[in-house]
Full PDB file with SEQRES, HELIX, SHEET, SSBOND, CRYST1, ORIGX, SCALE, CONECT and MASTER records, all heavy atoms in Angstrom:
SEQRES   1 A   40  ALA LEU ILE GLY PRO ASN GLY ALA GLY LYS SER THR VAL          
SEQRES   2 A   40  LEU LYS ALA VAL CYS GLY LEU ILE ARG ALA TRP ASN GLY          
SEQRES   3 A   40  GLN ILE THR PHE ASN GLY GLU LEU THR ASN ASP SER THR          
SEQRES   4 A   40  PRO                                                          
HELIX    1 AA1 LYS A   10  CYS A   18  1                                   9    
SHEET    1 AA1 2 THR A  29  PHE A  30  0                                        
SHEET    2 AA1 2 GLU A  33  LEU A  34 -1                                        
CRYST1    1.000    1.000    1.000  90.00  90.00  90.00 P 1           1          
ORIGX1      1.000000  0.000000  0.000000        0.00000                         
ORIGX2      0.000000  1.000000  0.000000        0.00000                         
ORIGX3      0.000000  0.000000  1.000000        0.00000                         
SCALE1      1.000000  0.000000  0.000000        0.00000                         
SCALE2      0.000000  1.000000  0.000000        0.00000                         
SCALE3      0.000000  0.000000  1.000000        0.00000                         
ATOM      1  N   ALA A   1       0.839  -1.221  -0.018  1.00  0.00           N  
ATOM      2  CA  ALA A   1       0.002  -0.027   0.039  1.00  0.00           C  
ATOM      3  C   ALA A   1       0.872   1.271  -0.011  1.00  0.00           C  
ATOM      4  O   ALA A   1       1.923   1.312   0.619  1.00  0.00           O  
ATOM      5  CB  ALA A   1      -0.899   0.003   1.237  1.00  0.00           C  
ATOM      6  N   LEU A   2       0.371   2.221  -0.700  1.00  0.00           N  
ATOM      7  CA  LEU A   2       1.055   3.531  -0.748  1.00  0.00           C  
ATOM      8  C   LEU A   2       0.008   4.584  -0.284  1.00  0.00           C  
ATOM      9  O   LEU A   2      -0.967   4.815  -0.979  1.00  0.00           O  
ATOM     10  CB  LEU A   2       1.517   3.826  -2.182  1.00  0.00           C  
ATOM     11  CG  LEU A   2       2.538   4.915  -2.447  1.00  0.00           C  
ATOM     12  CD1 LEU A   2       3.831   4.698  -1.592  1.00  0.00           C  
ATOM     13  CD2 LEU A   2       2.891   4.985  -3.902  1.00  0.00           C  
ATOM     14  N   ILE A   3       0.218   5.128   0.912  1.00  0.00           N  
ATOM     15  CA  ILE A   3      -0.738   6.028   1.548  1.00  0.00           C  
ATOM     16  C   ILE A   3      -0.103   7.372   1.803  1.00  0.00           C  
ATOM     17  O   ILE A   3       1.068   7.592   1.630  1.00  0.00           O  
ATOM     18  CB  ILE A   3      -1.329   5.412   2.806  1.00  0.00           C  
ATOM     19  CG1 ILE A   3      -0.250   5.259   3.870  1.00  0.00           C  
ATOM     20  CG2 ILE A   3      -2.013   4.070   2.527  1.00  0.00           C  
ATOM     21  CD1 ILE A   3      -0.818   4.901   5.250  1.00  0.00           C  
ATOM     22  N   GLY A   4      -0.945   8.309   2.262  1.00  0.00           N  
ATOM     23  CA  GLY A   4      -0.408   9.638   2.581  1.00  0.00           C  
ATOM     24  C   GLY A   4      -1.481  10.688   2.236  1.00  0.00           C  
ATOM     25  O   GLY A   4      -2.435  10.393   1.539  1.00  0.00           O  
ATOM     26  N   PRO A   5      -1.313  11.924   2.738  1.00  0.00           N  
ATOM     27  CA  PRO A   5      -2.285  12.967   2.440  1.00  0.00           C  
ATOM     28  C   PRO A   5      -2.297  13.354   0.953  1.00  0.00           C  
ATOM     29  O   PRO A   5      -1.398  12.987   0.196  1.00  0.00           O  
ATOM     30  CB  PRO A   5      -1.798  14.117   3.309  1.00  0.00           C  
ATOM     31  CG  PRO A   5      -0.322  13.879   3.566  1.00  0.00           C  
ATOM     32  CD  PRO A   5      -0.190  12.374   3.597  1.00  0.00           C  
ATOM     33  N   ASN A   6      -3.321  14.080   0.555  1.00  0.00           N  
ATOM     34  CA  ASN A   6      -3.407  14.569  -0.803  1.00  0.00           C  
ATOM     35  C   ASN A   6      -2.176  15.392  -1.120  1.00  0.00           C  
ATOM     36  O   ASN A   6      -1.711  16.168  -0.284  1.00  0.00           O  
ATOM     37  CB  ASN A   6      -4.667  15.435  -0.993  1.00  0.00           C  
ATOM     38  CG  ASN A   6      -5.940  14.549  -1.058  1.00  0.00           C  
ATOM     39  OD1 ASN A   6      -5.938  13.414  -1.401  1.00  0.00           O  
ATOM     40  ND2 ASN A   6      -7.030  15.159  -0.586  1.00  0.00           N  
ATOM     41  N   GLY A   7      -1.651  15.210  -2.321  1.00  0.00           N  
ATOM     42  CA  GLY A   7      -0.453  15.970  -2.733  1.00  0.00           C  
ATOM     43  C   GLY A   7       0.819  15.443  -2.309  1.00  0.00           C  
ATOM     44  O   GLY A   7       1.837  16.062  -2.521  1.00  0.00           O  
ATOM     45  N   ALA A   8       0.826  14.266  -1.686  1.00  0.00           N  
ATOM     46  CA  ALA A   8       2.068  13.687  -1.113  1.00  0.00           C  
ATOM     47  C   ALA A   8       2.954  13.093  -2.265  1.00  0.00           C  
ATOM     48  O   ALA A   8       4.109  12.836  -2.010  1.00  0.00           O  
ATOM     49  CB  ALA A   8       1.759  12.610  -0.080  1.00  0.00           C  
ATOM     50  N   GLY A   9       2.328  12.811  -3.446  1.00  0.00           N  
ATOM     51  CA  GLY A   9       3.189  12.258  -4.546  1.00  0.00           C  
ATOM     52  C   GLY A   9       2.889  10.842  -4.845  1.00  0.00           C  
ATOM     53  O   GLY A   9       3.595  10.190  -5.627  1.00  0.00           O  
ATOM     54  N   LYS A  10       1.826  10.244  -4.309  1.00  0.00           N  
ATOM     55  CA  LYS A  10       1.504   8.810  -4.419  1.00  0.00           C  
ATOM     56  C   LYS A  10       1.287   8.461  -5.894  1.00  0.00           C  
ATOM     57  O   LYS A  10       1.913   7.549  -6.415  1.00  0.00           O  
ATOM     58  CB  LYS A  10       0.315   8.467  -3.568  1.00  0.00           C  
ATOM     59  CG  LYS A  10       0.397   8.805  -2.105  1.00  0.00           C  
ATOM     60  CD  LYS A  10      -0.728   8.395  -1.274  1.00  0.00           C  
ATOM     61  CE  LYS A  10      -2.022   9.079  -1.679  1.00  0.00           C  
ATOM     62  NZ  LYS A  10      -1.981  10.548  -1.493  1.00  0.00           N  
ATOM     63  N   SER A  11       0.405   9.196  -6.535  1.00  0.00           N  
ATOM     64  CA  SER A  11       0.127   8.864  -7.936  1.00  0.00           C  
ATOM     65  C   SER A  11       1.294   9.107  -8.835  1.00  0.00           C  
ATOM     66  O   SER A  11       1.493   8.413  -9.829  1.00  0.00           O  
ATOM     67  CB  SER A  11      -1.096   9.708  -8.432  1.00  0.00           C  
ATOM     68  OG  SER A  11      -2.257   9.376  -7.735  1.00  0.00           O  
ATOM     69  N   THR A  12       2.136  10.099  -8.469  1.00  0.00           N  
ATOM     70  CA  THR A  12       3.338  10.399  -9.269  1.00  0.00           C  
ATOM     71  C   THR A  12       4.302   9.219  -9.274  1.00  0.00           C  
ATOM     72  O   THR A  12       4.949   8.923 -10.217  1.00  0.00           O  
ATOM     73  CB  THR A  12       4.062  11.611  -8.651  1.00  0.00           C  
ATOM     74  OG1 THR A  12       3.083  12.705  -8.663  1.00  0.00           O  
ATOM     75  CG2 THR A  12       5.266  12.015  -9.524  1.00  0.00           C  
ATOM     76  N   VAL A  13       4.348   8.442  -8.148  1.00  0.00           N  
ATOM     77  CA  VAL A  13       5.211   7.258  -8.072  1.00  0.00           C  
ATOM     78  C   VAL A  13       4.725   6.253  -9.114  1.00  0.00           C  
ATOM     79  O   VAL A  13       5.522   5.699  -9.918  1.00  0.00           O  
ATOM     80  CB  VAL A  13       5.125   6.605  -6.682  1.00  0.00           C  
ATOM     81  CG1 VAL A  13       5.849   5.269  -6.669  1.00  0.00           C  
ATOM     82  CG2 VAL A  13       5.750   7.565  -5.630  1.00  0.00           C  
ATOM     83  N   LEU A  14       3.396   5.975  -9.203  1.00  0.00           N  
ATOM     84  CA  LEU A  14       2.896   5.054 -10.115  1.00  0.00           C  
ATOM     85  C   LEU A  14       3.166   5.456 -11.574  1.00  0.00           C  
ATOM     86  O   LEU A  14       3.501   4.651 -12.428  1.00  0.00           O  
ATOM     87  CB  LEU A  14       1.390   4.793  -9.944  1.00  0.00           C  
ATOM     88  CG  LEU A  14       0.921   4.354  -8.560  1.00  0.00           C  
ATOM     89  CD1 LEU A  14      -0.525   3.948  -8.611  1.00  0.00           C  
ATOM     90  CD2 LEU A  14       1.766   3.209  -8.001  1.00  0.00           C  
ATOM     91  N   LYS A  15       2.968   6.735 -11.872  1.00  0.00           N  
ATOM     92  CA  LYS A  15       3.223   7.306 -13.219  1.00  0.00           C  
ATOM     93  C   LYS A  15       4.672   7.154 -13.579  1.00  0.00           C  
ATOM     94  O   LYS A  15       4.985   6.905 -14.784  1.00  0.00           O  
ATOM     95  CB  LYS A  15       2.742   8.687 -13.299  1.00  0.00           C  
ATOM     96  CG  LYS A  15       1.247   8.846 -13.188  1.00  0.00           C  
ATOM     97  CD  LYS A  15       0.801  10.323 -13.155  1.00  0.00           C  
ATOM     98  CE  LYS A  15      -0.690  10.478 -13.019  1.00  0.00           C  
ATOM     99  NZ  LYS A  15      -1.101  11.853 -12.897  1.00  0.00           N  
ATOM    100  N   ALA A  16       5.587   7.334 -12.658  1.00  0.00           N  
ATOM    101  CA  ALA A  16       6.994   7.232 -12.967  1.00  0.00           C  
ATOM    102  C   ALA A  16       7.334   5.770 -13.247  1.00  0.00           C  
ATOM    103  O   ALA A  16       8.154   5.476 -14.188  1.00  0.00           O  
ATOM    104  CB  ALA A  16       7.831   7.756 -11.870  1.00  0.00           C  
ATOM    105  N   VAL A  17       6.790   4.861 -12.522  1.00  0.00           N  
ATOM    106  CA  VAL A  17       7.110   3.438 -12.695  1.00  0.00           C  
ATOM    107  C   VAL A  17       6.589   2.957 -14.049  1.00  0.00           C  
ATOM    108  O   VAL A  17       7.236   2.179 -14.754  1.00  0.00           O  
ATOM    109  CB  VAL A  17       6.482   2.595 -11.547  1.00  0.00           C  
ATOM    110  CG1 VAL A  17       6.615   1.114 -11.821  1.00  0.00           C  
ATOM    111  CG2 VAL A  17       7.165   2.934 -10.209  1.00  0.00           C  
ATOM    112  N   CYS A  18       5.393   3.385 -14.425  1.00  0.00           N  
ATOM    113  CA  CYS A  18       4.788   2.831 -15.681  1.00  0.00           C  
ATOM    114  C   CYS A  18       5.333   3.606 -16.893  1.00  0.00           C  
ATOM    115  O   CYS A  18       5.134   3.195 -18.032  1.00  0.00           O  
ATOM    116  CB  CYS A  18       3.292   2.878 -15.661  1.00  0.00           C  
ATOM    117  SG  CYS A  18       2.555   4.471 -15.957  1.00  0.00           S  
ATOM    118  N   GLY A  19       6.049   4.676 -16.694  1.00  0.00           N  
ATOM    119  CA  GLY A  19       6.644   5.445 -17.813  1.00  0.00           C  
ATOM    120  C   GLY A  19       5.881   6.608 -18.319  1.00  0.00           C  
ATOM    121  O   GLY A  19       6.211   7.182 -19.349  1.00  0.00           O  
ATOM    122  N   LEU A  20       4.787   7.034 -17.673  1.00  0.00           N  
ATOM    123  CA  LEU A  20       4.022   8.179 -18.053  1.00  0.00           C  
ATOM    124  C   LEU A  20       4.808   9.504 -17.770  1.00  0.00           C  
ATOM    125  O   LEU A  20       4.542  10.498 -18.467  1.00  0.00           O  
ATOM    126  CB  LEU A  20       2.666   8.212 -17.289  1.00  0.00           C  
ATOM    127  CG  LEU A  20       1.617   7.235 -17.770  1.00  0.00           C  
ATOM    128  CD1 LEU A  20       0.447   7.230 -16.870  1.00  0.00           C  
ATOM    129  CD2 LEU A  20       1.232   7.501 -19.194  1.00  0.00           C  
ATOM    130  N   ILE A  21       5.631   9.530 -16.776  1.00  0.00           N  
ATOM    131  CA  ILE A  21       6.584  10.665 -16.524  1.00  0.00           C  
ATOM    132  C   ILE A  21       7.955  10.113 -16.376  1.00  0.00           C  
ATOM    133  O   ILE A  21       8.145   8.962 -16.064  1.00  0.00           O  
ATOM    134  CB  ILE A  21       6.130  11.531 -15.331  1.00  0.00           C  
ATOM    135  CG1 ILE A  21       6.266  10.731 -14.025  1.00  0.00           C  
ATOM    136  CG2 ILE A  21       4.737  12.077 -15.528  1.00  0.00           C  
ATOM    137  CD1 ILE A  21       6.118  11.569 -12.737  1.00  0.00           C  
ATOM    138  N   ARG A  22       8.961  10.969 -16.634  1.00  0.00           N  
ATOM    139  CA  ARG A  22      10.320  10.530 -16.587  1.00  0.00           C  
ATOM    140  C   ARG A  22      10.907  10.737 -15.179  1.00  0.00           C  
ATOM    141  O   ARG A  22      10.577  11.730 -14.511  1.00  0.00           O  
ATOM    142  CB  ARG A  22      11.145  11.298 -17.622  1.00  0.00           C  
ATOM    143  CG  ARG A  22      10.808  10.937 -19.026  1.00  0.00           C  
ATOM    144  CD  ARG A  22      11.144   9.507 -19.398  1.00  0.00           C  
ATOM    145  NE  ARG A  22      10.841   9.123 -20.782  1.00  0.00           N  
ATOM    146  CZ  ARG A  22      11.644   9.224 -21.754  1.00  0.00           C  
ATOM    147  NH1 ARG A  22      12.894   9.715 -21.545  1.00  0.00           N  
ATOM    148  NH2 ARG A  22      11.318   8.884 -22.972  1.00  0.00           N  
ATOM    149  N   ALA A  23      11.870   9.887 -14.764  1.00  0.00           N  
ATOM    150  CA  ALA A  23      12.534  10.119 -13.555  1.00  0.00           C  
ATOM    151  C   ALA A  23      13.626  11.237 -13.818  1.00  0.00           C  
ATOM    152  O   ALA A  23      14.297  11.200 -14.816  1.00  0.00           O  
ATOM    153  CB  ALA A  23      13.258   8.819 -13.125  1.00  0.00           C  
ATOM    154  N   TRP A  24      13.669  12.209 -12.943  1.00  0.00           N  
ATOM    155  CA  TRP A  24      14.732  13.247 -13.061  1.00  0.00           C  
ATOM    156  C   TRP A  24      16.084  12.746 -12.584  1.00  0.00           C  
ATOM    157  O   TRP A  24      17.087  12.974 -13.195  1.00  0.00           O  
ATOM    158  CB  TRP A  24      14.303  14.475 -12.239  1.00  0.00           C  
ATOM    159  CG  TRP A  24      13.063  15.158 -12.719  1.00  0.00           C  
ATOM    160  CD1 TRP A  24      12.353  14.839 -13.837  1.00  0.00           C  
ATOM    161  CD2 TRP A  24      12.496  16.338 -12.143  1.00  0.00           C  
ATOM    162  NE1 TRP A  24      11.253  15.699 -13.942  1.00  0.00           N  
ATOM    163  CE2 TRP A  24      11.362  16.631 -12.980  1.00  0.00           C  
ATOM    164  CE3 TRP A  24      12.742  17.128 -11.069  1.00  0.00           C  
ATOM    165  CZ2 TRP A  24      10.502  17.735 -12.653  1.00  0.00           C  
ATOM    166  CZ3 TRP A  24      11.925  18.177 -10.794  1.00  0.00           C  
ATOM    167  CH2 TRP A  24      10.800  18.491 -11.562  1.00  0.00           C  
ATOM    168  N   ASN A  25      16.028  12.069 -11.424  1.00  0.00           N  
ATOM    169  CA  ASN A  25      17.231  11.438 -10.875  1.00  0.00           C  
ATOM    170  C   ASN A  25      16.835  10.134 -10.150  1.00  0.00           C  
ATOM    171  O   ASN A  25      15.698   9.879  -9.946  1.00  0.00           O  
ATOM    172  CB  ASN A  25      17.894  12.360  -9.816  1.00  0.00           C  
ATOM    173  CG  ASN A  25      18.453  13.628 -10.419  1.00  0.00           C  
ATOM    174  OD1 ASN A  25      19.401  13.544 -11.230  1.00  0.00           O  
ATOM    175  ND2 ASN A  25      17.911  14.777 -10.058  1.00  0.00           N  
ATOM    176  N   GLY A  26      17.813   9.355  -9.881  1.00  0.00           N  
ATOM    177  CA  GLY A  26      17.536   8.077  -9.222  1.00  0.00           C  
ATOM    178  C   GLY A  26      17.352   6.922 -10.247  1.00  0.00           C  
ATOM    179  O   GLY A  26      17.543   7.108 -11.432  1.00  0.00           O  
ATOM    180  N   GLN A  27      16.905   5.787  -9.681  1.00  0.00           N  
ATOM    181  CA  GLN A  27      16.736   4.587 -10.569  1.00  0.00           C  
ATOM    182  C   GLN A  27      15.451   3.873 -10.256  1.00  0.00           C  
ATOM    183  O   GLN A  27      15.037   3.790  -9.075  1.00  0.00           O  
ATOM    184  CB  GLN A  27      17.935   3.614 -10.305  1.00  0.00           C  
ATOM    185  CG  GLN A  27      19.282   4.157 -10.807  1.00  0.00           C  
ATOM    186  CD  GLN A  27      20.347   3.066 -10.714  1.00  0.00           C  
ATOM    187  OE1 GLN A  27      20.227   2.140  -9.896  1.00  0.00           O  
ATOM    188  NE2 GLN A  27      21.354   3.177 -11.569  1.00  0.00           N  
ATOM    189  N   ILE A  28      14.886   3.436 -11.339  1.00  0.00           N  
ATOM    190  CA  ILE A  28      13.700   2.546 -11.214  1.00  0.00           C  
ATOM    191  C   ILE A  28      14.134   1.195 -11.892  1.00  0.00           C  
ATOM    192  O   ILE A  28      14.482   1.214 -13.087  1.00  0.00           O  
ATOM    193  CB  ILE A  28      12.456   3.050 -11.911  1.00  0.00           C  
ATOM    194  CG1 ILE A  28      12.108   4.454 -11.353  1.00  0.00           C  
ATOM    195  CG2 ILE A  28      11.306   2.112 -11.781  1.00  0.00           C  
ATOM    196  CD1 ILE A  28      11.022   5.166 -12.127  1.00  0.00           C  
ATOM    197  N   THR A  29      14.100   0.097 -11.156  1.00  0.00           N  
ATOM    198  CA  THR A  29      14.570  -1.156 -11.629  1.00  0.00           C  
ATOM    199  C   THR A  29      13.365  -2.180 -11.485  1.00  0.00           C  
ATOM    200  O   THR A  29      12.742  -2.289 -10.452  1.00  0.00           O  
ATOM    201  CB  THR A  29      15.764  -1.672 -10.872  1.00  0.00           C  
ATOM    202  OG1 THR A  29      16.757  -0.630 -10.923  1.00  0.00           O  
ATOM    203  CG2 THR A  29      16.322  -2.904 -11.451  1.00  0.00           C  
ATOM    204  N   PHE A  30      13.149  -2.945 -12.558  1.00  0.00           N  
ATOM    205  CA  PHE A  30      12.151  -4.001 -12.526  1.00  0.00           C  
ATOM    206  C   PHE A  30      12.802  -5.269 -12.975  1.00  0.00           C  
ATOM    207  O   PHE A  30      13.303  -5.401 -14.081  1.00  0.00           O  
ATOM    208  CB  PHE A  30      10.994  -3.632 -13.448  1.00  0.00           C  
ATOM    209  CG  PHE A  30       9.865  -4.586 -13.376  1.00  0.00           C  
ATOM    210  CD1 PHE A  30       9.042  -4.630 -12.278  1.00  0.00           C  
ATOM    211  CD2 PHE A  30       9.523  -5.479 -14.408  1.00  0.00           C  
ATOM    212  CE1 PHE A  30       7.931  -5.525 -12.128  1.00  0.00           C  
ATOM    213  CE2 PHE A  30       8.486  -6.341 -14.315  1.00  0.00           C  
ATOM    214  CZ  PHE A  30       7.666  -6.365 -13.200  1.00  0.00           C  
ATOM    215  N   ASN A  31      12.775  -6.233 -12.117  1.00  0.00           N  
ATOM    216  CA  ASN A  31      13.397  -7.540 -12.346  1.00  0.00           C  
ATOM    217  C   ASN A  31      14.835  -7.411 -12.773  1.00  0.00           C  
ATOM    218  O   ASN A  31      15.342  -8.032 -13.725  1.00  0.00           O  
ATOM    219  CB  ASN A  31      12.621  -8.369 -13.373  1.00  0.00           C  
ATOM    220  CG  ASN A  31      11.356  -8.934 -12.839  1.00  0.00           C  
ATOM    221  OD1 ASN A  31      11.217  -9.195 -11.647  1.00  0.00           O  
ATOM    222  ND2 ASN A  31      10.329  -9.082 -13.663  1.00  0.00           N  
ATOM    223  N   GLY A  32      15.554  -6.470 -12.131  1.00  0.00           N  
ATOM    224  CA  GLY A  32      16.929  -6.253 -12.377  1.00  0.00           C  
ATOM    225  C   GLY A  32      17.282  -5.428 -13.587  1.00  0.00           C  
ATOM    226  O   GLY A  32      18.428  -5.218 -13.871  1.00  0.00           O  
ATOM    227  N   GLU A  33      16.265  -4.926 -14.293  1.00  0.00           N  
ATOM    228  CA  GLU A  33      16.449  -4.127 -15.516  1.00  0.00           C  
ATOM    229  C   GLU A  33      16.084  -2.683 -15.257  1.00  0.00           C  
ATOM    230  O   GLU A  33      14.967  -2.374 -14.774  1.00  0.00           O  
ATOM    231  CB  GLU A  33      15.585  -4.737 -16.636  1.00  0.00           C  
ATOM    232  CG  GLU A  33      15.837  -4.065 -17.984  1.00  0.00           C  
ATOM    233  CD  GLU A  33      15.048  -4.753 -19.081  1.00  0.00           C  
ATOM    234  OE1 GLU A  33      14.254  -5.622 -18.794  1.00  0.00           O  
ATOM    235  OE2 GLU A  33      15.207  -4.310 -20.221  1.00  0.00           O  
ATOM    236  N   LEU A  34      16.935  -1.739 -15.582  1.00  0.00           N  
ATOM    237  CA  LEU A  34      16.723  -0.321 -15.377  1.00  0.00           C  
ATOM    238  C   LEU A  34      15.652   0.126 -16.385  1.00  0.00           C  
ATOM    239  O   LEU A  34      15.740  -0.174 -17.581  1.00  0.00           O  
ATOM    240  CB  LEU A  34      18.027   0.477 -15.639  1.00  0.00           C  
ATOM    241  CG  LEU A  34      17.974   1.911 -15.304  1.00  0.00           C  
ATOM    242  CD1 LEU A  34      17.828   2.143 -13.776  1.00  0.00           C  
ATOM    243  CD2 LEU A  34      19.308   2.635 -15.743  1.00  0.00           C  
ATOM    244  N   THR A  35      14.627   0.814 -15.889  1.00  0.00           N  
ATOM    245  CA  THR A  35      13.488   1.192 -16.713  1.00  0.00           C  
ATOM    246  C   THR A  35      13.249   2.709 -16.764  1.00  0.00           C  
ATOM    247  O   THR A  35      12.212   3.095 -17.278  1.00  0.00           O  
ATOM    248  CB  THR A  35      12.202   0.452 -16.222  1.00  0.00           C  
ATOM    249  OG1 THR A  35      11.836   1.019 -14.941  1.00  0.00           O  
ATOM    250  CG2 THR A  35      12.340  -0.991 -16.126  1.00  0.00           C  
ATOM    251  N   ASN A  36      14.206   3.461 -16.331  1.00  0.00           N  
ATOM    252  CA  ASN A  36      14.029   4.957 -16.224  1.00  0.00           C  
ATOM    253  C   ASN A  36      13.472   5.541 -17.550  1.00  0.00           C  
ATOM    254  O   ASN A  36      12.617   6.427 -17.486  1.00  0.00           O  
ATOM    255  CB  ASN A  36      15.310   5.627 -15.828  1.00  0.00           C  
ATOM    256  CG  ASN A  36      15.684   5.453 -14.411  1.00  0.00           C  
ATOM    257  OD1 ASN A  36      15.537   4.367 -13.844  1.00  0.00           O  
ATOM    258  ND2 ASN A  36      16.203   6.510 -13.794  1.00  0.00           N  
ATOM    259  N   ASP A  37      14.014   5.129 -18.655  1.00  0.00           N  
ATOM    260  CA  ASP A  37      13.619   5.756 -19.914  1.00  0.00           C  
ATOM    261  C   ASP A  37      12.653   4.971 -20.788  1.00  0.00           C  
ATOM    262  O   ASP A  37      12.473   5.211 -21.949  1.00  0.00           O  
ATOM    263  CB  ASP A  37      14.884   6.030 -20.778  1.00  0.00           C  
ATOM    264  CG  ASP A  37      15.839   7.009 -20.064  1.00  0.00           C  
ATOM    265  OD1 ASP A  37      15.350   7.955 -19.445  1.00  0.00           O  
ATOM    266  OD2 ASP A  37      17.088   6.796 -20.120  1.00  0.00           O  
ATOM    267  N   SER A  38      11.955   4.023 -20.098  1.00  0.00           N  
ATOM    268  CA  SER A  38      11.029   3.149 -20.883  1.00  0.00           C  
ATOM    269  C   SER A  38       9.727   3.838 -21.094  1.00  0.00           C  
ATOM    270  O   SER A  38       9.270   4.669 -20.304  1.00  0.00           O  
ATOM    271  CB  SER A  38      10.867   1.856 -20.073  1.00  0.00           C  
ATOM    272  OG  SER A  38      11.996   1.065 -20.067  1.00  0.00           O  
ATOM    273  N   THR A  39       9.029   3.444 -22.176  1.00  0.00           N  
ATOM    274  CA  THR A  39       7.684   3.898 -22.458  1.00  0.00           C  
ATOM    275  C   THR A  39       6.685   3.039 -21.768  1.00  0.00           C  
ATOM    276  O   THR A  39       6.969   1.903 -21.343  1.00  0.00           O  
ATOM    277  CB  THR A  39       7.461   3.848 -23.983  1.00  0.00           C  
ATOM    278  OG1 THR A  39       7.462   2.520 -24.382  1.00  0.00           O  
ATOM    279  CG2 THR A  39       8.448   4.672 -24.736  1.00  0.00           C  
ATOM    280  N   PRO A  40       5.433   3.536 -21.549  1.00  0.00           N  
ATOM    281  CA  PRO A  40       4.384   2.632 -20.953  1.00  0.00           C  
ATOM    282  C   PRO A  40       4.252   1.365 -21.734  1.00  0.00           C  
ATOM    283  O   PRO A  40       4.086   0.274 -21.096  1.00  0.00           O  
ATOM    284  CB  PRO A  40       3.166   3.543 -21.021  1.00  0.00           C  
ATOM    285  CG  PRO A  40       3.665   4.924 -20.934  1.00  0.00           C  
ATOM    286  CD  PRO A  40       4.940   4.869 -21.727  1.00  0.00           C  
TER     287      PRO A  40                                                      
MASTER        0    0    0    1    2    0    0    6  286    1    0    4          
END                                                                             
């Protein structure tokens, strides 16, 4: 679960993971594969 008050960034996390927005810094890895620049 990802919880928190409105505006905390919860939906932004999901959008970054699925590729709807780009990561500015840091890494997103899925099954050992870097996905920062992947499309949905």
